Protein backbone atom coordinates (compact mmCIF):
# COMPACT_ATOMS: atom_id res chain seq x y z
CA MET A 1 32.31 29.36 -22.23
CA PHE A 2 29.43 29.32 -19.84
CA LEU A 3 27.29 26.42 -20.68
CA LYS A 4 23.44 27.38 -19.47
CA LYS A 5 21.88 24.74 -16.66
CA LEU A 6 18.85 23.94 -16.02
CA ILE A 7 18.58 23.37 -12.20
CA LEU A 8 15.94 20.52 -10.70
CA VAL A 9 15.45 20.77 -6.77
CA VAL A 10 14.14 17.28 -5.97
CA SER A 11 13.49 15.41 -2.55
CA PRO A 12 11.05 13.94 -0.57
CA PRO A 13 8.56 15.15 1.14
CA ALA A 14 9.19 17.77 3.76
CA CYS A 15 12.72 17.82 3.19
CA GLY A 16 12.76 21.54 2.50
CA LYS A 17 12.96 21.48 -1.32
CA THR A 18 11.07 24.89 -1.55
CA PHE A 19 12.45 26.59 0.84
CA VAL A 20 15.82 25.69 -0.73
CA SER A 21 14.79 26.10 -4.13
CA LYS A 22 13.96 29.91 -3.39
CA LYS A 23 16.67 30.52 -1.45
CA LEU A 24 18.79 29.48 -4.13
CA ALA A 25 17.04 31.04 -6.90
CA SER A 26 17.38 34.77 -4.44
CA ALA A 27 21.00 33.72 -4.36
CA LEU A 28 21.86 33.21 -7.99
CA THR A 29 22.03 35.84 -10.38
CA HIS A 30 20.49 35.31 -13.96
CA VAL A 31 18.00 33.19 -13.09
CA VAL A 32 14.42 31.94 -13.83
CA TYR A 33 12.91 30.09 -10.98
CA LEU A 34 9.56 28.05 -11.54
CA ASP A 35 7.34 25.89 -9.21
CA LYS A 36 5.33 23.15 -10.70
CA ASP A 37 2.74 24.34 -8.03
CA THR A 38 1.65 27.11 -9.71
CA LEU A 39 -0.46 25.27 -12.28
CA ILE A 40 -2.21 23.58 -9.52
CA PRO A 41 -5.09 26.45 -10.21
CA LEU A 42 -5.40 24.71 -13.67
CA SER A 43 -5.64 21.41 -12.35
CA LYS A 44 -8.08 22.17 -9.94
CA LYS A 45 -10.50 23.47 -13.26
CA ILE A 46 -10.15 20.41 -14.61
CA PHE A 47 -11.09 18.68 -11.72
CA GLU A 48 -13.86 20.66 -11.40
CA VAL A 49 -14.86 20.86 -15.46
CA ALA A 50 -14.94 17.05 -15.38
CA GLY A 51 -17.24 16.87 -12.60
CA GLU A 52 -14.60 14.94 -10.32
CA GLU A 53 -13.69 15.09 -6.77
CA TYR A 54 -10.29 17.29 -5.92
CA ASN A 55 -7.57 14.92 -5.08
CA ARG A 56 -4.08 14.65 -6.37
CA SER A 57 -3.31 11.13 -5.71
CA SER A 58 -6.46 10.04 -7.35
CA ASP A 59 -6.54 7.87 -10.47
CA PHE A 60 -8.10 10.53 -12.19
CA PHE A 61 -4.90 13.23 -11.24
CA ASN A 62 -2.78 9.84 -12.44
CA LYS A 63 -4.31 9.72 -15.52
CA ASN A 64 -5.10 12.91 -17.11
CA ILE A 65 -3.57 15.64 -15.29
CA ARG A 66 -0.17 14.84 -12.98
CA ASP A 67 1.98 13.91 -16.44
CA LEU A 68 0.85 16.88 -18.24
CA GLU A 69 2.19 19.37 -15.52
CA TYR A 70 5.58 18.06 -15.99
CA VAL A 71 5.47 18.81 -19.99
CA VAL A 72 4.21 21.72 -19.25
CA THR A 73 6.95 22.75 -16.64
CA LEU A 74 9.56 21.64 -18.69
CA ASP A 75 8.06 23.14 -21.74
CA LEU A 76 8.61 26.47 -19.44
CA ALA A 77 11.96 25.94 -18.79
CA PHE A 78 13.00 25.12 -22.15
CA GLU A 79 11.89 28.43 -23.22
CA ALA A 80 12.83 30.63 -20.37
CA LEU A 81 16.68 28.99 -21.12
CA GLN A 82 16.81 30.71 -24.66
CA TYR A 83 17.05 34.39 -22.76
CA GLU A 84 18.59 33.73 -19.35
CA ASP A 85 21.36 31.50 -18.19
CA LEU A 86 19.73 29.59 -15.13
CA VAL A 87 16.49 27.99 -14.95
CA LEU A 88 15.53 26.28 -11.71
CA VAL A 89 12.56 24.37 -11.13
CA ASN A 90 10.96 23.36 -8.01
CA ALA A 91 9.20 20.23 -8.08
CA PRO A 92 9.46 16.47 -7.09
CA PHE A 93 9.82 14.36 -10.31
CA THR A 94 9.20 11.65 -8.07
CA ARG A 95 8.74 8.69 -10.76
CA GLU A 96 10.76 10.65 -13.27
CA ILE A 97 14.35 10.63 -11.20
CA ARG A 98 14.69 7.07 -11.08
CA ASP A 99 13.99 6.44 -14.73
CA ILE A 100 17.38 6.93 -16.85
CA ASP A 101 15.74 6.85 -19.61
CA PHE A 102 13.70 9.94 -18.79
CA VAL A 103 17.13 11.74 -17.18
CA SER A 104 19.11 10.80 -20.06
CA LYS A 105 16.92 12.06 -23.10
CA LEU A 106 15.94 15.06 -20.73
CA SER A 107 19.82 15.57 -20.69
CA LYS A 108 20.35 14.93 -24.47
CA ARG A 109 17.98 17.31 -25.72
CA LEU A 110 18.73 20.00 -23.67
CA LYS A 111 22.33 19.95 -24.97
CA ASP A 112 21.24 19.56 -28.34
CA GLU A 113 18.71 21.89 -28.68
CA LEU A 114 20.11 24.50 -26.16
CA ASN A 115 23.44 23.39 -25.03
CA ALA A 116 22.58 23.49 -21.73
CA GLU A 117 23.19 21.28 -19.16
CA LEU A 118 21.28 19.35 -16.83
CA VAL A 119 21.81 19.58 -13.30
CA PHE A 120 20.06 17.91 -9.83
CA ILE A 121 20.24 19.61 -6.44
CA TRP A 122 19.32 16.25 -4.20
CA VAL A 123 17.80 17.95 -0.82
CA ASN A 124 18.68 15.82 1.70
CA ALA A 125 17.40 15.82 4.81
CA SER A 126 16.36 12.58 7.77
CA PRO A 127 13.15 10.63 8.00
CA GLU A 128 13.30 12.60 11.76
CA THR A 129 14.13 15.85 10.30
CA CYS A 130 11.26 15.47 7.89
CA HIS A 131 8.79 14.22 10.83
CA ARG A 132 9.61 17.82 12.39
CA ARG A 133 8.93 20.04 9.77
CA MET A 134 6.03 18.40 8.78
CA VAL A 135 4.66 19.05 12.57
CA GLU A 136 5.92 22.46 12.23
CA ARG A 137 4.03 23.16 9.01
CA ASN A 138 0.67 22.24 9.78
CA SER A 139 -0.30 21.59 6.35
CA THR A 140 -3.63 19.64 5.88
CA ARG A 141 -1.88 17.76 3.16
CA ASP A 142 0.02 16.51 6.03
CA THR A 143 -2.73 14.84 7.97
CA TRP A 144 -2.68 11.77 7.04
CA LYS A 145 1.28 10.75 6.82
CA LEU A 146 1.46 12.53 10.21
CA GLU A 147 -1.37 10.40 11.91
CA ASN A 148 0.07 7.35 9.45
CA TRP A 149 3.84 7.87 10.52
CA ASP A 150 4.96 4.06 10.22
CA GLU A 151 2.97 3.35 7.30
CA TYR A 152 3.70 6.55 5.40
CA ILE A 153 7.57 6.70 6.09
CA LYS A 154 8.23 2.72 4.86
CA GLY A 155 7.24 3.79 1.42
CA VAL A 156 9.08 6.60 0.72
CA ASP A 157 12.59 6.30 -0.09
CA PHE A 158 15.27 8.48 0.81
CA SER A 159 18.35 7.37 -1.03
CA ILE A 160 19.51 9.12 -4.14
CA PRO A 161 17.93 8.18 -7.08
CA THR A 162 20.66 6.08 -9.68
CA PRO A 163 20.37 7.68 -12.21
CA LEU A 164 20.80 11.20 -11.28
CA SER A 165 25.03 10.49 -10.30
CA SER A 166 25.00 7.86 -13.18
CA LYS A 167 27.38 9.12 -15.78
CA GLU A 168 25.60 7.65 -18.50
CA SER A 169 22.87 10.19 -17.95
CA GLY A 170 24.82 13.20 -18.86
CA ALA A 171 23.46 14.87 -15.46
CA LYS A 172 25.28 16.17 -12.69
CA LEU A 173 24.46 15.82 -9.45
CA ILE A 174 24.71 17.85 -6.11
CA VAL A 175 23.55 17.04 -2.67
CA PHE A 176 22.31 19.72 -0.61
CA ASP A 177 22.70 18.61 3.09
CA ASN A 178 19.50 20.10 4.66
CA ASP A 179 19.48 18.37 7.84
CA HIS A 180 20.74 20.81 10.41
CA ASP A 181 19.82 24.60 10.67
CA ASP A 182 23.42 25.59 11.49
CA THR A 183 24.61 24.77 8.35
CA PHE A 184 22.15 25.61 5.97
CA GLU A 185 24.26 28.98 5.16
CA SER A 186 27.38 27.28 4.05
CA GLU A 187 25.44 24.75 2.14
CA LEU A 188 24.05 27.79 0.13
CA LYS A 189 27.07 29.25 -0.86
CA LYS A 190 28.70 26.12 -1.61
CA THR A 191 25.71 25.32 -3.97
CA VAL A 192 25.65 28.72 -5.65
CA ASN A 193 29.45 28.50 -6.54
CA LEU A 194 28.96 25.33 -8.07
CA LEU A 195 26.25 26.11 -10.12
CA GLU A 196 27.57 29.49 -11.14
CA LYS A 197 30.62 28.11 -12.10
CA GLU A 198 31.92 27.85 -15.36
């Protein structure tokens, strides 16, 4: 019997998470694609109503908005899984993926409520590749990072979070090597095959 899957695509910044997520969603069948960034207009409105400067790194954001965005995204994912076999979520889950308790509870909830499994796709790329991609995408969100690269990169953990590969967590892990453009298509095909296996 085919198990439903909640697929969380995660990575450090500029590893290609969004690009990989969209390519996977296009290649998979019976899939719903969700992007946490779709909630940003609502979050901006909260800043506006509260009279706060729009800053997604601020204490205000972390206290009042950040976790709620993840709760809503996962609620939408659970709802979608009632009607479709695969739900793919593009969101960093930066803190959550290093929290064994969070991963274990989410995995258990999926199994108990929907007989579904939790699958993480870790998008792997080197710091050098990430730097090149930040320069190429030329986004204002990367200005500080690029201007202070040595300081910024010290705070980025490129290792695969332990809870993602832990048997105790109940989740499955697929590593998508996105460090070389010439191997992208083969990585995509491999990952789609793994996700569509029964």
